[in-house]
Amino acid sequence: MENTQQKQFTNYITHHKEEFQNKLLSEAVGVASKINDILQSGNIDLLKNAEKLVRYVVEERDDELVSFAEHEGVVWAAHNFNPYS
């Protein structure tokens, strides 16, 4: 992605964080209630994580994306979370 577009997208997410999170929640109709449960029981903020993931992808920060995924996988395993249950 072109650097100017990357900056515009990143700036949009930064300045419209609440709108971004609300859009995610509106799309996650079947699992929206689980998001708070996961935050409470495992201290995992899925909305914040989604923002990080989008930034890593848009900014083509592949190494950080892989590192983040590995870390989150360990955290989810430690708490025995199953995102499909």
Protein backbone atom coordinates (compact mmCIF):
# COMPACT_ATOMS: atom_id res chain seq x y z
CA MET A 1 0.00 0.00 0.00
CA GLU A 2 1.22 3.47 -0.79
CA ASN A 3 2.79 5.31 2.16
CA THR A 4 0.31 8.22 1.93
CA GLN A 5 -2.63 5.83 2.04
CA GLN A 6 -1.09 4.02 4.99
CA LYS A 7 -0.79 7.26 6.93
CA GLN A 8 -4.32 8.30 6.07
CA PHE A 9 -5.74 4.98 7.20
CA THR A 10 -3.67 4.95 10.39
CA ASN A 11 -4.69 8.53 11.17
CA TYR A 12 -8.33 7.66 10.56
CA ILE A 13 -8.22 4.78 13.04
CA THR A 14 -6.40 6.93 15.59
CA HIS A 15 -8.88 9.80 15.35
CA HIS A 16 -12.01 7.67 14.99
CA LYS A 17 -11.21 4.91 17.48
CA GLU A 18 -14.70 4.79 18.95
CA GLU A 19 -16.33 4.65 15.54
CA PHE A 20 -13.91 1.88 14.51
CA GLN A 21 -14.69 -0.13 17.64
CA ASN A 22 -18.44 0.36 17.24
CA LYS A 23 -18.23 -0.88 13.66
CA LEU A 24 -16.34 -3.97 14.82
CA LEU A 25 -18.97 -4.63 17.49
CA SER A 26 -21.81 -4.19 15.00
CA GLU A 27 -20.18 -6.78 12.72
CA ALA A 28 -19.55 -9.19 15.60
CA VAL A 29 -23.21 -9.69 16.39
CA GLY A 30 -22.89 -13.31 17.50
CA VAL A 31 -19.81 -12.82 19.66
CA ALA A 32 -20.12 -9.27 20.97
CA SER A 33 -21.11 -10.50 24.43
CA LYS A 34 -18.03 -12.73 24.59
CA ILE A 35 -15.72 -9.77 23.98
CA ASN A 36 -16.39 -8.36 27.45
CA ASP A 37 -16.18 -11.81 29.03
CA ILE A 38 -12.73 -12.34 27.52
CA LEU A 39 -11.62 -8.90 28.71
CA GLN A 40 -12.80 -9.65 32.24
CA SER A 41 -11.51 -13.19 32.56
CA GLY A 42 -8.27 -12.95 30.63
CA ASN A 43 -7.53 -9.24 30.47
CA ILE A 44 -7.48 -9.48 26.68
CA ASP A 45 -8.88 -6.40 24.96
CA LEU A 46 -10.06 -7.73 21.60
CA LEU A 47 -11.04 -4.30 20.30
CA LYS A 48 -7.60 -2.91 21.05
CA ASN A 49 -6.04 -6.01 19.52
CA ALA A 50 -8.11 -5.57 16.36
CA GLU A 51 -6.80 -2.03 16.05
CA LYS A 52 -3.22 -3.28 16.41
CA LEU A 53 -3.78 -5.97 13.80
CA VAL A 54 -5.21 -3.51 11.30
CA ARG A 55 -2.28 -1.15 11.84
CA TYR A 56 0.28 -3.94 11.40
CA VAL A 57 -1.38 -5.09 8.18
CA VAL A 58 -1.90 -1.61 6.71
CA GLU A 59 1.61 -0.50 7.61
CA GLU A 60 3.02 -3.81 6.32
CA ARG A 61 4.75 -4.51 9.64
CA ASP A 62 4.91 -8.26 9.06
CA ASP A 63 7.45 -9.09 11.78
CA GLU A 64 5.39 -7.30 14.42
CA LEU A 65 2.23 -8.99 13.15
CA VAL A 66 3.80 -12.44 13.50
CA SER A 67 5.22 -11.60 16.93
CA PHE A 68 1.84 -10.28 18.09
CA ALA A 69 0.05 -13.41 16.81
CA GLU A 70 2.52 -15.69 18.57
CA HIS A 71 2.16 -13.77 21.84
CA GLU A 72 -1.63 -13.75 21.70
CA GLY A 73 -1.70 -17.46 20.88
CA VAL A 74 0.29 -18.18 24.03
CA VAL A 75 -2.00 -15.94 26.12
CA TRP A 76 -5.14 -17.58 24.74
CA ALA A 77 -3.69 -21.04 25.35
CA ALA A 78 -2.72 -20.12 28.91
CA HIS A 79 -6.31 -19.09 29.62
CA ASN A 80 -7.69 -22.05 27.68
CA PHE A 81 -9.85 -19.74 25.56
CA ASN A 82 -11.59 -21.23 22.59
CA PRO A 83 -12.72 -18.52 20.16
CA TYR A 84 -15.13 -20.97 18.52
CA SER A 85 -17.07 -22.05 21.58
